[in-house]
Amino acid sequence: MSGADDMTATNALRDDAVAWLVRVQSDQAGADDWAALTAWLEASDDHLVAFEQVEAVAAELSERAPEISPALKPATSRVVPLRRRAALPVWSAAAAAAVIALVVGQMAWRGYQGTPTVYQTRPGETREVALADGTHIRMDAASTLTVRLGWRARRVEMAEAQATFDVAKDPGRAFLISVGDQQVRVVGTEFNIRHYDKSVRVTVRRGIVEVRQLALGQTPVARLVAGQSLSHVEGAPRSVQTATDPNPAFAWTEGRMVCDDETLGDMIAYLNRRYPVPIKISPALAGKRFSGVLELGDENLVIKRLASYFSLSVHRIDSTIELR
């Protein structure tokens, strides 16, 4: 299923949840309506999640009605309040459901979740992003991030990417980063995340971050403080937490690549994200190792230094560079 199909299915499920919420909170709702809702909720975990999310939005809209209603069109006189049923407390947070269904609709949901904004960099390009909440993100080359600044949480979806985050403190809105099969949760801190080839590495330079592995539930698998890192391969049952000097993880932001017994194959994979002209090596060379610092300036100088260190020759073929 494509991303567009996923979004369509999600929207349809949310609309169904809104319809159920409005139905059971109306004055005409009876036992049959609640029985039908129960059956719908029990049919799928996704149904229950969608219903709980819509309830949360409804409750928040009810609480924030004085703040939200002046900005809504049509006028608030068209909002139809639905009464709370004391005899049915399980789903009683739906007092504002009519606002969602009749007035706010998609606008309210986007406001609650946050409108997605996609940030991308091309090979050879880095970028600094300042978010509206005061958070600063520095993106490495060939990286993609999707950001949502919602009412309750700030969320980032991290595709193949490397980025540093200096997160503004906001105790009322956690900063959540989905990366591979893990989630990084912070309130205010500075850290680097590297996510390449289904491998995730989180390094903290300031503050505290929690890392969850979603398949294992909501209990954090690690709490990282300054000078700690966590490495994880997607799908693996465990992660590796170590003490580390965080500065090498941030070196790319200063145009340097710090290598500690790094394989040439991994180095070339990173350089091919950093520079627009692709570099090729044979599988036999990929296992050779390097320790040192590369200045990530002119690509030709980087190639020349690597070739010198490994006693290789440089060949330019079409639009590629080969090391032999």
C-alpha atoms as a PDB file:
ATOM      1  CA  MET A   1       0.000   0.000   0.000  1.00  0.00           C
ATOM      2  CA  SER A   2       1.371   3.442  -0.949  1.00  0.00           C
ATOM      3  CA  GLY A   3       1.697   6.387   1.410  1.00  0.00           C
ATOM      4  CA  ALA A   4      -1.281   8.052  -0.295  1.00  0.00           C
ATOM      5  CA  ASP A   5      -3.370   4.903   0.164  1.00  0.00           C
ATOM      6  CA  ASP A   6      -2.347   4.742   3.822  1.00  0.00           C
ATOM      7  CA  MET A   7      -3.427   8.347   4.318  1.00  0.00           C
ATOM      8  CA  THR A   8      -6.750   7.734   2.590  1.00  0.00           C
ATOM      9  CA  ALA A   9      -7.435   4.700   4.782  1.00  0.00           C
ATOM     10  CA  THR A  10      -6.463   6.638   7.919  1.00  0.00           C
ATOM     11  CA  ASN A  11      -8.746   9.536   7.017  1.00  0.00           C
ATOM     12  CA  ALA A  12     -11.626   7.168   6.291  1.00  0.00           C
ATOM     13  CA  LEU A  13     -11.154   5.393   9.626  1.00  0.00           C
ATOM     14  CA  ARG A  14     -11.036   8.698  11.470  1.00  0.00           C
ATOM     15  CA  ASP A  15     -14.224   9.850   9.740  1.00  0.00           C
ATOM     16  CA  ASP A  16     -15.916   6.616  10.815  1.00  0.00           C
ATOM     17  CA  ALA A  17     -14.793   7.219  14.399  1.00  0.00           C
ATOM     18  CA  VAL A  18     -16.194  10.766  14.327  1.00  0.00           C
ATOM     19  CA  ALA A  19     -19.506   9.432  12.988  1.00  0.00           C
ATOM     20  CA  TRP A  20     -19.712   6.872  15.789  1.00  0.00           C
ATOM     21  CA  LEU A  21     -18.875   9.488  18.395  1.00  0.00           C
ATOM     22  CA  VAL A  22     -21.582  11.855  17.172  1.00  0.00           C
ATOM     23  CA  ARG A  23     -24.086   8.985  16.907  1.00  0.00           C
ATOM     24  CA  VAL A  24     -23.717   7.689  20.458  1.00  0.00           C
ATOM     25  CA  GLN A  25     -23.618  11.172  22.007  1.00  0.00           C
ATOM     26  CA  SER A  26     -26.848  12.324  20.384  1.00  0.00           C
ATOM     27  CA  ASP A  27     -30.103  12.561  22.313  1.00  0.00           C
ATOM     28  CA  GLN A  28     -31.549   9.804  20.139  1.00  0.00           C
ATOM     29  CA  ALA A  29     -28.811   7.263  20.957  1.00  0.00           C
ATOM     30  CA  GLY A  30     -30.073   4.070  22.522  1.00  0.00           C
ATOM     31  CA  ALA A  31     -28.806   0.703  23.679  1.00  0.00           C
ATOM     32  CA  ASP A  32     -28.638  -0.583  20.118  1.00  0.00           C
ATOM     33  CA  ASP A  33     -26.325   2.271  19.130  1.00  0.00           C
ATOM     34  CA  TRP A  34     -23.949   1.540  21.995  1.00  0.00           C
ATOM     35  CA  ALA A  35     -24.031  -2.173  21.246  1.00  0.00           C
ATOM     36  CA  ALA A  36     -23.195  -1.438  17.607  1.00  0.00           C
ATOM     37  CA  LEU A  37     -20.315   0.844  18.678  1.00  0.00           C
ATOM     38  CA  THR A  38     -18.962  -1.849  20.982  1.00  0.00           C
ATOM     39  CA  ALA A  39     -19.015  -4.344  18.118  1.00  0.00           C
ATOM     40  CA  TRP A  40     -17.215  -1.863  15.852  1.00  0.00           C
ATOM     41  CA  LEU A  41     -14.542  -1.182  18.475  1.00  0.00           C
ATOM     42  CA  GLU A  42     -13.963  -4.871  19.117  1.00  0.00           C
ATOM     43  CA  ALA A  43     -13.640  -5.622  15.415  1.00  0.00           C
ATOM     44  CA  SER A  44     -10.171  -4.067  15.175  1.00  0.00           C
ATOM     45  CA  ASP A  45      -7.516  -2.495  17.382  1.00  0.00           C
ATOM     46  CA  ASP A  46      -7.273   0.232  14.739  1.00  0.00           C
ATOM     47  CA  HIS A  47     -10.923   1.109  15.368  1.00  0.00           C
ATOM     48  CA  LEU A  48     -10.276   1.560  19.078  1.00  0.00           C
ATOM     49  CA  VAL A  49      -7.167   3.677  18.481  1.00  0.00           C
ATOM     50  CA  ALA A  50      -9.032   5.926  16.023  1.00  0.00           C
ATOM     51  CA  PHE A  51     -11.974   6.326  18.410  1.00  0.00           C
ATOM     52  CA  GLU A  52      -9.718   7.208  21.347  1.00  0.00           C
ATOM     53  CA  GLN A  53      -7.870   9.769  19.219  1.00  0.00           C
ATOM     54  CA  VAL A  54     -11.124  11.427  18.178  1.00  0.00           C
ATOM     55  CA  GLU A  55     -12.269  11.463  21.811  1.00  0.00           C
ATOM     56  CA  ALA A  56      -9.028  13.176  22.795  1.00  0.00           C
ATOM     57  CA  VAL A  57      -9.545  15.861  20.154  1.00  0.00           C
ATOM     58  CA  ALA A  58     -13.149  16.335  21.266  1.00  0.00           C
ATOM     59  CA  ALA A  59     -12.120  16.742  24.887  1.00  0.00           C
ATOM     60  CA  GLU A  60      -9.397  19.219  23.978  1.00  0.00           C
ATOM     61  CA  LEU A  61     -11.752  21.236  21.785  1.00  0.00           C
ATOM     62  CA  SER A  62     -14.253  21.374  24.609  1.00  0.00           C
ATOM     63  CA  GLU A  63     -11.594  22.652  27.018  1.00  0.00           C
ATOM     64  CA  ARG A  64     -10.266  25.206  24.534  1.00  0.00           C
ATOM     65  CA  ALA A  65     -13.610  26.345  23.115  1.00  0.00           C
ATOM     66  CA  PRO A  66     -13.234  29.972  24.345  1.00  0.00           C
ATOM     67  CA  GLU A  67      -9.879  30.183  22.582  1.00  0.00           C
ATOM     68  CA  ILE A  68     -10.854  28.390  19.371  1.00  0.00           C
ATOM     69  CA  SER A  69     -14.418  29.488  18.685  1.00  0.00           C
ATOM     70  CA  PRO A  70     -13.713  33.162  17.786  1.00  0.00           C
ATOM     71  CA  ALA A  71     -11.540  32.029  14.887  1.00  0.00           C
ATOM     72  CA  LEU A  72     -14.027  29.563  13.464  1.00  0.00           C
ATOM     73  CA  LYS A  73     -16.316  30.154  10.496  1.00  0.00           C
ATOM     74  CA  PRO A  74     -19.256  29.812  10.364  1.00  0.00           C
ATOM     75  CA  ALA A  75     -20.154  31.567  13.611  1.00  0.00           C
ATOM     76  CA  THR A  76     -20.263  29.600  16.824  1.00  0.00           C
ATOM     77  CA  SER A  77     -24.056  29.918  16.896  1.00  0.00           C
ATOM     78  CA  ARG A  78     -24.084  26.998  14.469  1.00  0.00           C
ATOM     79  CA  VAL A  79     -22.148  24.744  16.826  1.00  0.00           C
ATOM     80  CA  VAL A  80     -24.465  22.101  18.240  1.00  0.00           C
ATOM     81  CA  PRO A  81     -23.309  21.028  21.727  1.00  0.00           C
ATOM     82  CA  LEU A  82     -23.957  17.433  22.682  1.00  0.00           C
ATOM     83  CA  ARG A  83     -24.629  16.655  26.303  1.00  0.00           C
ATOM     84  CA  ARG A  84     -22.485  14.343  28.378  1.00  0.00           C
ATOM     85  CA  ARG A  85     -24.259  11.180  29.552  1.00  0.00           C
ATOM     86  CA  ALA A  86     -23.492  10.436  33.168  1.00  0.00           C
ATOM     87  CA  ALA A  87     -24.828   6.898  32.822  1.00  0.00           C
ATOM     88  CA  LEU A  88     -22.300   6.105  30.081  1.00  0.00           C
ATOM     89  CA  PRO A  89     -18.935   7.253  31.487  1.00  0.00           C
ATOM     90  CA  VAL A  90     -16.702   5.040  29.350  1.00  0.00           C
ATOM     91  CA  TRP A  91     -16.969   7.280  26.298  1.00  0.00           C
ATOM     92  CA  SER A  92     -18.093  10.500  27.980  1.00  0.00           C
ATOM     93  CA  ALA A  93     -15.280  12.757  26.695  1.00  0.00           C
ATOM     94  CA  ALA A  94     -17.189  13.403  23.461  1.00  0.00           C
ATOM     95  CA  ALA A  95     -18.956  16.649  24.329  1.00  0.00           C
ATOM     96  CA  ALA A  96     -17.156  18.504  21.525  1.00  0.00           C
ATOM     97  CA  ALA A  97     -17.690  15.867  18.823  1.00  0.00           C
ATOM     98  CA  ALA A  98     -20.194  18.045  16.982  1.00  0.00           C
ATOM     99  CA  VAL A  99     -17.533  20.720  16.643  1.00  0.00           C
ATOM    100  CA  ILE A 100     -15.373  18.216  14.779  1.00  0.00           C
ATOM    101  CA  ALA A 101     -18.170  16.915  12.598  1.00  0.00           C
ATOM    102  CA  LEU A 102     -20.107  20.108  11.867  1.00  0.00           C
ATOM    103  CA  VAL A 103     -17.688  23.008  12.111  1.00  0.00           C
ATOM    104  CA  VAL A 104     -14.030  22.207  12.502  1.00  0.00           C
ATOM    105  CA  GLY A 105     -13.704  18.924  10.621  1.00  0.00           C
ATOM    106  CA  GLN A 106     -10.362  18.436   8.967  1.00  0.00           C
ATOM    107  CA  MET A 107      -9.107  21.789  10.236  1.00  0.00           C
ATOM    108  CA  ALA A 108      -9.428  20.732  13.875  1.00  0.00           C
ATOM    109  CA  TRP A 109      -7.738  17.427  13.286  1.00  0.00           C
ATOM    110  CA  ARG A 110      -4.833  19.052  11.437  1.00  0.00           C
ATOM    111  CA  GLY A 111      -4.502  21.591  14.220  1.00  0.00           C
ATOM    112  CA  TYR A 112      -4.470  18.898  16.887  1.00  0.00           C
ATOM    113  CA  GLN A 113      -2.002  16.648  15.073  1.00  0.00           C
ATOM    114  CA  GLY A 114      -0.067  19.443  13.384  1.00  0.00           C
ATOM    115  CA  THR A 115       0.178  20.057   9.661  1.00  0.00           C
ATOM    116  CA  PRO A 116       2.976  17.908   8.190  1.00  0.00           C
ATOM    117  CA  THR A 117       5.939  19.774   6.747  1.00  0.00           C
ATOM    118  CA  VAL A 118       8.566  17.831   4.793  1.00  0.00           C
ATOM    119  CA  TYR A 119      12.201  18.960   4.883  1.00  0.00           C
ATOM    120  CA  GLN A 120      14.693  17.423   2.463  1.00  0.00           C
ATOM    121  CA  THR A 121      18.304  17.789   1.474  1.00  0.00           C
ATOM    122  CA  ARG A 122      19.937  16.533  -1.705  1.00  0.00           C
ATOM    123  CA  PRO A 123      23.292  14.724  -1.902  1.00  0.00           C
ATOM    124  CA  GLY A 124      25.947  17.334  -1.245  1.00  0.00           C
ATOM    125  CA  GLU A 125      23.539  19.671   0.559  1.00  0.00           C
ATOM    126  CA  THR A 126      23.111  20.392   4.281  1.00  0.00           C
ATOM    127  CA  ARG A 127      20.381  22.520   5.800  1.00  0.00           C
ATOM    128  CA  GLU A 128      19.459  24.304   9.016  1.00  0.00           C
ATOM    129  CA  VAL A 129      15.789  24.352  10.018  1.00  0.00           C
ATOM    130  CA  ALA A 130      14.288  26.577  12.722  1.00  0.00           C
ATOM    131  CA  LEU A 131      10.885  25.299  13.877  1.00  0.00           C
ATOM    132  CA  ALA A 132       8.147  27.570  15.170  1.00  0.00           C
ATOM    133  CA  ASP A 133       8.550  26.186  18.715  1.00  0.00           C
ATOM    134  CA  GLY A 134      12.175  27.344  18.884  1.00  0.00           C
ATOM    135  CA  THR A 135      13.724  23.946  18.083  1.00  0.00           C
ATOM    136  CA  HIS A 136      16.719  23.974  15.728  1.00  0.00           C
ATOM    137  CA  ILE A 137      17.507  21.065  13.405  1.00  0.00           C
ATOM    138  CA  ARG A 138      20.658  20.665  11.348  1.00  0.00           C
ATOM    139  CA  MET A 139      20.168  18.190   8.475  1.00  0.00           C
ATOM    140  CA  ASP A 140      22.977  16.286   6.814  1.00  0.00           C
ATOM    141  CA  ALA A 141      23.012  15.560   3.083  1.00  0.00           C
ATOM    142  CA  ALA A 142      20.455  13.234   1.442  1.00  0.00           C
ATOM    143  CA  SER A 143      18.086  13.410   4.412  1.00  0.00           C
ATOM    144  CA  THR A 144      14.293  13.583   4.747  1.00  0.00           C
ATOM    145  CA  LEU A 145      12.292  14.642   7.820  1.00  0.00           C
ATOM    146  CA  THR A 146       8.550  15.179   8.231  1.00  0.00           C
ATOM    147  CA  VAL A 147       7.586  17.488  11.108  1.00  0.00           C
ATOM    148  CA  ARG A 148       4.214  18.031  12.826  1.00  0.00           C
ATOM    149  CA  LEU A 149       3.840  20.604  15.600  1.00  0.00           C
ATOM    150  CA  GLY A 150       0.572  19.608  17.247  1.00  0.00           C
ATOM    151  CA  TRP A 151      -1.267  20.819  20.337  1.00  0.00           C
ATOM    152  CA  ARG A 152      -0.190  17.929  22.541  1.00  0.00           C
ATOM    153  CA  ALA A 153       3.030  16.730  20.895  1.00  0.00           C
ATOM    154  CA  ARG A 154       5.723  17.697  18.423  1.00  0.00           C
ATOM    155  CA  ARG A 155       6.438  14.810  16.067  1.00  0.00           C
ATOM    156  CA  VAL A 156       9.168  14.044  13.550  1.00  0.00           C
ATOM    157  CA  GLU A 157       9.185  11.131  11.100  1.00  0.00           C
ATOM    158  CA  MET A 158      12.798  10.412  10.188  1.00  0.00           C
ATOM    159  CA  ALA A 159      13.453   8.583   6.924  1.00  0.00           C
ATOM    160  CA  GLU A 160      16.987   7.863   5.672  1.00  0.00           C
ATOM    161  CA  ALA A 161      18.698  10.798   7.328  1.00  0.00           C
ATOM    162  CA  GLN A 162      21.200  12.218   9.746  1.00  0.00           C
ATOM    163  CA  ALA A 163      20.334  15.262  11.808  1.00  0.00           C
ATOM    164  CA  THR A 164      21.175  17.054  15.024  1.00  0.00           C
ATOM    165  CA  PHE A 165      18.359  18.365  17.197  1.00  0.00           C
ATOM    166  CA  ASP A 166      18.512  21.208  19.703  1.00  0.00           C
ATOM    167  CA  VAL A 167      15.009  20.891  21.134  1.00  0.00           C
ATOM    168  CA  ALA A 168      13.279  23.838  22.782  1.00  0.00           C
ATOM    169  CA  LYS A 169      11.829  23.009  26.187  1.00  0.00           C
ATOM    170  CA  ASP A 170       8.044  22.700  26.291  1.00  0.00           C
ATOM    171  CA  PRO A 171       6.891  20.501  29.195  1.00  0.00           C
ATOM    172  CA  GLY A 172       3.356  20.445  27.809  1.00  0.00           C
ATOM    173  CA  ARG A 173       4.436  19.041  24.424  1.00  0.00           C
ATOM    174  CA  ALA A 174       6.904  16.195  24.225  1.00  0.00           C
ATOM    175  CA  PHE A 175       9.172  16.024  21.189  1.00  0.00           C
ATOM    176  CA  LEU A 176       8.777  12.583  19.568  1.00  0.00           C
ATOM    177  CA  ILE A 177      10.970  11.278  16.754  1.00  0.00           C
ATOM    178  CA  SER A 178       9.960   8.106  14.935  1.00  0.00           C
ATOM    179  CA  VAL A 179      13.086   6.517  13.455  1.00  0.00           C
ATOM    180  CA  GLY A 180      12.935   2.994  12.080  1.00  0.00           C
ATOM    181  CA  ASP A 181      11.168   0.798  14.635  1.00  0.00           C
ATOM    182  CA  GLN A 182      12.087   3.082  17.526  1.00  0.00           C
ATOM    183  CA  GLN A 183      10.825   6.320  19.018  1.00  0.00           C
ATOM    184  CA  VAL A 184      12.995   8.967  20.671  1.00  0.00           C
ATOM    185  CA  ARG A 185      11.194  11.094  23.276  1.00  0.00           C
ATOM    186  CA  VAL A 186      12.602  14.361  24.634  1.00  0.00           C
ATOM    187  CA  VAL A 187      11.464  17.551  26.301  1.00  0.00           C
ATOM    188  CA  GLY A 188      14.532  19.730  25.783  1.00  0.00           C
ATOM    189  CA  THR A 189      18.017  18.535  24.872  1.00  0.00           C
ATOM    190  CA  GLU A 190      20.666  18.315  22.126  1.00  0.00           C
ATOM    191  CA  PHE A 191      21.430  15.085  20.327  1.00  0.00           C
ATOM    192  CA  ASN A 192      22.324  13.544  16.978  1.00  0.00           C
ATOM    193  CA  ILE A 193      20.473  10.747  15.190  1.00  0.00           C
ATOM    194  CA  ARG A 194      21.963   8.793  12.334  1.00  0.00           C
ATOM    195  CA  HIS A 195      19.553   6.532  10.427  1.00  0.00           C
ATOM    196  CA  TYR A 196      21.038   4.759   7.437  1.00  0.00           C
ATOM    197  CA  ASP A 197      20.435   1.299   5.975  1.00  0.00           C
ATOM    198  CA  LYS A 198      18.067   0.240   8.803  1.00  0.00           C
ATOM    199  CA  SER A 199      20.657   1.137  11.417  1.00  0.00           C
ATOM    200  CA  VAL A 200      19.931   3.777  14.075  1.00  0.00           C
ATOM    201  CA  ARG A 201      22.424   5.536  16.320  1.00  0.00           C
ATOM    202  CA  VAL A 202      21.370   8.166  18.888  1.00  0.00           C
ATOM    203  CA  THR A 203      24.068  10.254  20.603  1.00  0.00           C
ATOM    204  CA  VAL A 204      23.288  12.773  23.358  1.00  0.00           C
ATOM    205  CA  ARG A 205      25.373  15.871  23.983  1.00  0.00           C
ATOM    206  CA  ARG A 206      23.047  17.657  26.438  1.00  0.00           C
ATOM    207  CA  GLY A 207      19.975  16.693  28.446  1.00  0.00           C
ATOM    208  CA  ILE A 208      18.134  13.373  28.558  1.00  0.00           C
ATOM    209  CA  VAL A 209      16.294  11.369  25.914  1.00  0.00           C
ATOM    210  CA  GLU A 210      14.198   8.242  26.207  1.00  0.00           C
ATOM    211  CA  VAL A 211      14.246   5.599  23.500  1.00  0.00           C
ATOM    212  CA  ARG A 212      11.331   3.238  23.011  1.00  0.00           C
ATOM    213  CA  GLN A 213      11.175   0.211  20.764  1.00  0.00           C
ATOM    214  CA  LEU A 214       7.566   0.278  19.661  1.00  0.00           C
ATOM    215  CA  ALA A 215       7.206  -3.489  19.278  1.00  0.00           C
ATOM    216  CA  LEU A 216       8.133  -3.856  22.965  1.00  0.00           C
ATOM    217  CA  GLY A 217       5.516  -1.400  24.259  1.00  0.00           C
ATOM    218  CA  GLN A 218       5.757   2.022  25.881  1.00  0.00           C
ATOM    219  CA  THR A 219       8.408   1.202  28.485  1.00  0.00           C
ATOM    220  CA  PRO A 220      11.695   2.889  27.448  1.00  0.00           C
ATOM    221  CA  VAL A 221      14.500   0.543  26.458  1.00  0.00           C
ATOM    222  CA  ALA A 222      17.012   3.246  27.404  1.00  0.00           C
ATOM    223  CA  ARG A 223      17.348   6.657  29.031  1.00  0.00           C
ATOM    224  CA  LEU A 224      20.365   8.384  27.568  1.00  0.00           C
ATOM    225  CA  VAL A 225      22.185  11.288  29.202  1.00  0.00           C
ATOM    226  CA  ALA A 226      25.013  13.452  27.907  1.00  0.00           C
ATOM    227  CA  GLY A 227      27.945  11.309  26.799  1.00  0.00           C
ATOM    228  CA  GLN A 228      25.862   8.218  26.011  1.00  0.00           C
ATOM    229  CA  SER A 229      24.766   6.665  22.747  1.00  0.00           C
ATOM    230  CA  LEU A 230      22.493   3.863  21.642  1.00  0.00           C
ATOM    231  CA  SER A 231      22.928   1.736  18.511  1.00  0.00           C
ATOM    232  CA  HIS A 232      20.158  -0.387  17.068  1.00  0.00           C
ATOM    233  CA  VAL A 233      19.442  -2.429  13.943  1.00  0.00           C
ATOM    234  CA  GLU A 234      15.791  -2.381  12.894  1.00  0.00           C
ATOM    235  CA  GLY A 235      14.060  -5.625  13.819  1.00  0.00           C
ATOM    236  CA  ALA A 236      16.665  -6.643  16.385  1.00  0.00           C
ATOM    237  CA  PRO A 237      15.279  -7.421  19.858  1.00  0.00           C
ATOM    238  CA  ARG A 238      18.012  -5.475  21.645  1.00  0.00           C
ATOM    239  CA  SER A 239      19.924  -2.217  21.408  1.00  0.00           C
ATOM    240  CA  VAL A 240      23.472  -1.469  22.527  1.00  0.00           C
ATOM    241  CA  GLN A 241      24.023   1.443  24.923  1.00  0.00           C
ATOM    242  CA  THR A 242      27.544   2.797  25.411  1.00  0.00           C
ATOM    243  CA  ALA A 243      29.417   5.704  26.989  1.00  0.00           C
ATOM    244  CA  THR A 244      30.967   7.881  24.305  1.00  0.00           C
ATOM    245  CA  ASP A 245      32.464  11.242  23.471  1.00  0.00           C
ATOM    246  CA  PRO A 246      29.493  12.865  21.685  1.00  0.00           C
ATOM    247  CA  ASN A 247      31.555  15.327  19.671  1.00  0.00           C
ATOM    248  CA  PRO A 248      32.520  12.927  16.840  1.00  0.00           C
ATOM    249  CA  ALA A 249      28.816  12.305  16.160  1.00  0.00           C
ATOM    250  CA  PHE A 250      28.360  16.053  15.666  1.00  0.00           C
ATOM    251  CA  ALA A 251      31.569  16.514  13.641  1.00  0.00           C
ATOM    252  CA  TRP A 252      29.716  16.435  10.323  1.00  0.00           C
ATOM    253  CA  THR A 253      28.073  19.750  11.241  1.00  0.00           C
ATOM    254  CA  GLU A 254      31.559  21.286  11.220  1.00  0.00           C
ATOM    255  CA  GLY A 255      32.555  19.662   7.929  1.00  0.00           C
ATOM    256  CA  ARG A 256      34.515  16.767   9.382  1.00  0.00           C
ATOM    257  CA  MET A 257      34.127  12.981   9.443  1.00  0.00           C
ATOM    258  CA  VAL A 258      35.655  11.321  12.502  1.00  0.00           C
ATOM    259  CA  CYS A 259      36.388   7.630  11.947  1.00  0.00           C
ATOM    260  CA  ASP A 260      37.274   5.093  14.604  1.00  0.00           C
ATOM    261  CA  ASP A 261      38.179   1.820  12.896  1.00  0.00           C
ATOM    262  CA  GLU A 262      35.532   2.514  10.241  1.00  0.00           C
ATOM    263  CA  THR A 263      35.246   0.243   7.217  1.00  0.00           C
ATOM    264  CA  LEU A 264      35.928   1.770   3.836  1.00  0.00           C
ATOM    265  CA  GLY A 265      32.558   0.435   2.671  1.00  0.00           C
ATOM    266  CA  ASP A 266      30.700   2.401   5.360  1.00  0.00           C
ATOM    267  CA  MET A 267      32.790   5.478   4.682  1.00  0.00           C
ATOM    268  CA  ILE A 268      32.021   5.381   0.970  1.00  0.00           C
ATOM    269  CA  ALA A 269      28.303   4.868   1.684  1.00  0.00           C
ATOM    270  CA  TYR A 270      28.300   8.049   3.769  1.00  0.00           C
ATOM    271  CA  LEU A 271      30.391  10.034   1.282  1.00  0.00           C
ATOM    272  CA  ASN A 272      27.922   9.088  -1.449  1.00  0.00           C
ATOM    273  CA  ARG A 273      25.244  10.859   0.575  1.00  0.00           C
ATOM    274  CA  ARG A 274      27.503  13.797   1.291  1.00  0.00           C
ATOM    275  CA  TYR A 275      28.722  14.406  -2.281  1.00  0.00           C
ATOM    276  CA  PRO A 276      26.842  14.504  -5.589  1.00  0.00           C
ATOM    277  CA  VAL A 277      29.415  12.501  -7.599  1.00  0.00           C
ATOM    278  CA  PRO A 278      29.101   8.800  -6.638  1.00  0.00           C
ATOM    279  CA  ILE A 279      32.161   6.836  -5.546  1.00  0.00           C
ATOM    280  CA  LYS A 280      32.564   3.117  -6.237  1.00  0.00           C
ATOM    281  CA  ILE A 281      34.816   0.458  -4.747  1.00  0.00           C
ATOM    282  CA  SER A 282      34.990  -3.295  -5.195  1.00  0.00           C
ATOM    283  CA  PRO A 283      33.590  -5.632  -2.482  1.00  0.00           C
ATOM    284  CA  ALA A 284      37.145  -6.750  -1.790  1.00  0.00           C
ATOM    285  CA  LEU A 285      38.059  -3.237  -0.627  1.00  0.00           C
ATOM    286  CA  ALA A 286      34.917  -2.588   1.436  1.00  0.00           C
ATOM    287  CA  GLY A 287      36.285  -4.324   4.545  1.00  0.00           C
ATOM    288  CA  LYS A 288      39.464  -2.235   4.812  1.00  0.00           C
ATOM    289  CA  ARG A 289      39.475  -0.006   7.890  1.00  0.00           C
ATOM    290  CA  PHE A 290      40.384   3.589   8.644  1.00  0.00           C
ATOM    291  CA  SER A 291      40.877   5.651  11.799  1.00  0.00           C
ATOM    292  CA  GLY A 292      41.337   9.371  11.553  1.00  0.00           C
ATOM    293  CA  VAL A 293      39.620  12.594  10.552  1.00  0.00           C
ATOM    294  CA  LEU A 294      38.518  13.516   7.050  1.00  0.00           C
ATOM    295  CA  GLU A 295      37.873  17.148   6.223  1.00  0.00           C
ATOM    296  CA  LEU A 296      34.647  17.136   4.233  1.00  0.00           C
ATOM    297  CA  GLY A 297      35.555  19.930   1.893  1.00  0.00           C
ATOM    298  CA  ASP A 298      36.350  19.471  -1.774  1.00  0.00           C
ATOM    299  CA  GLU A 299      35.398  15.952  -2.878  1.00  0.00           C
ATOM    300  CA  ASN A 300      38.542  15.570  -4.954  1.00  0.00           C
ATOM    301  CA  LEU A 301      40.732  16.197  -1.913  1.00  0.00           C
ATOM    302  CA  VAL A 302      38.757  13.668   0.144  1.00  0.00           C
ATOM    303  CA  ILE A 303      39.184  11.046  -2.592  1.00  0.00           C
ATOM    304  CA  LYS A 304      42.884  11.842  -2.918  1.00  0.00           C
ATOM    305  CA  ARG A 305      43.454  11.340   0.823  1.00  0.00           C
ATOM    306  CA  LEU A 306      41.540   8.054   0.909  1.00  0.00           C
ATOM    307  CA  ALA A 307      43.400   6.773  -2.136  1.00  0.00           C
ATOM    308  CA  SER A 308      46.725   7.701  -0.553  1.00  0.00           C
ATOM    309  CA  TYR A 309      45.913   6.059   2.782  1.00  0.00           C
ATOM    310  CA  PHE A 310      44.778   2.771   1.203  1.00  0.00           C
ATOM    311  CA  SER A 311      47.329   2.867  -1.662  1.00  0.00           C
ATOM    312  CA  LEU A 312      44.588   2.951  -4.281  1.00  0.00           C
ATOM    313  CA  SER A 313      44.332   4.570  -7.675  1.00  0.00           C
ATOM    314  CA  VAL A 314      41.570   6.963  -8.749  1.00  0.00           C
ATOM    315  CA  HIS A 315      39.665   6.405 -12.009  1.00  0.00           C
ATOM    316  CA  ARG A 316      36.959   8.671 -13.397  1.00  0.00           C
ATOM    317  CA  ILE A 317      34.470   6.753 -15.542  1.00  0.00           C
ATOM    318  CA  ASP A 318      31.462   8.577 -16.960  1.00  0.00           C
ATOM    319  CA  SER A 319      29.940  10.389 -13.981  1.00  0.00           C
ATOM    320  CA  THR A 320      31.461   8.239 -11.251  1.00  0.00           C
ATOM    321  CA  ILE A 321      34.738   7.912  -9.373  1.00  0.00           C
ATOM    322  CA  GLU A 322      36.235   4.459  -8.879  1.00  0.00           C
ATOM    323  CA  LEU A 323      38.904   3.572  -6.330  1.00  0.00           C
ATOM    324  CA  ARG A 324      40.970   0.490  -7.225  1.00  0.00           C
END
